[in-house]
Amino acid sequence: MSRHGLRAAGVGLAALTVVLDQATKLWALAALANPPVRIAVTGWWEMVLVWNYGVSFGLLGDGALPPLVLAGVTGAIGIAIACWLWRAKWWLPMLAAGLILGGAVGNIIDRLIYGAVVDFVRWHMNGYSWPVFNLADAAITLGVGLLILESLFGKRSDPKSAAE
């Protein structure tokens, strides 16, 4: 695939991630908010609405940082990821950057509209619980995981062609 094709695919994946993320959050708000309910999917998975006023996994969620500051920081990171996507020469970093960018934009939209991020997926077992998350968080996590895989096992360039 050409670089132009990689860019288009990465931007398309980011856009698809934003659309799916926002659609699932609208569903969560409609189904889980009023009155507050929990929907058990399995014995270890439930849907429950949680407002995340912090950063990843609710860190700094004590209101110390205003939503616009968090949105701005996330936006700056998003711009860096978009530049990375633009420079991608291989499909794996393009895929990863598209997922991360789409997830970041999805969460920025929440912060700008609601002042917090809509989280609603809860996984738990034997008294332990993973922090409640959303599709944007899952996309970011998957994208970072793909970047780690790429850095460990990815396509290596020929040292001779790198010098050209």
Foldseek 3Di string as FASTA:
>chain_A
DALVVLLVVLQVLLVVLLVVQVVVLVVLCVPAVVPHDWADPDPFKIWGKDWQLDPPLNPVRPCPDWLVRVLVVLVVVLVVLSVQLSPDPDNLLSQLSSLLNSLSVNQSVCCVPPVTGIFIMWGGDPPDIDRTHTSSVVSNVVSVVSVVCCVVPNDDDDPVVVVD
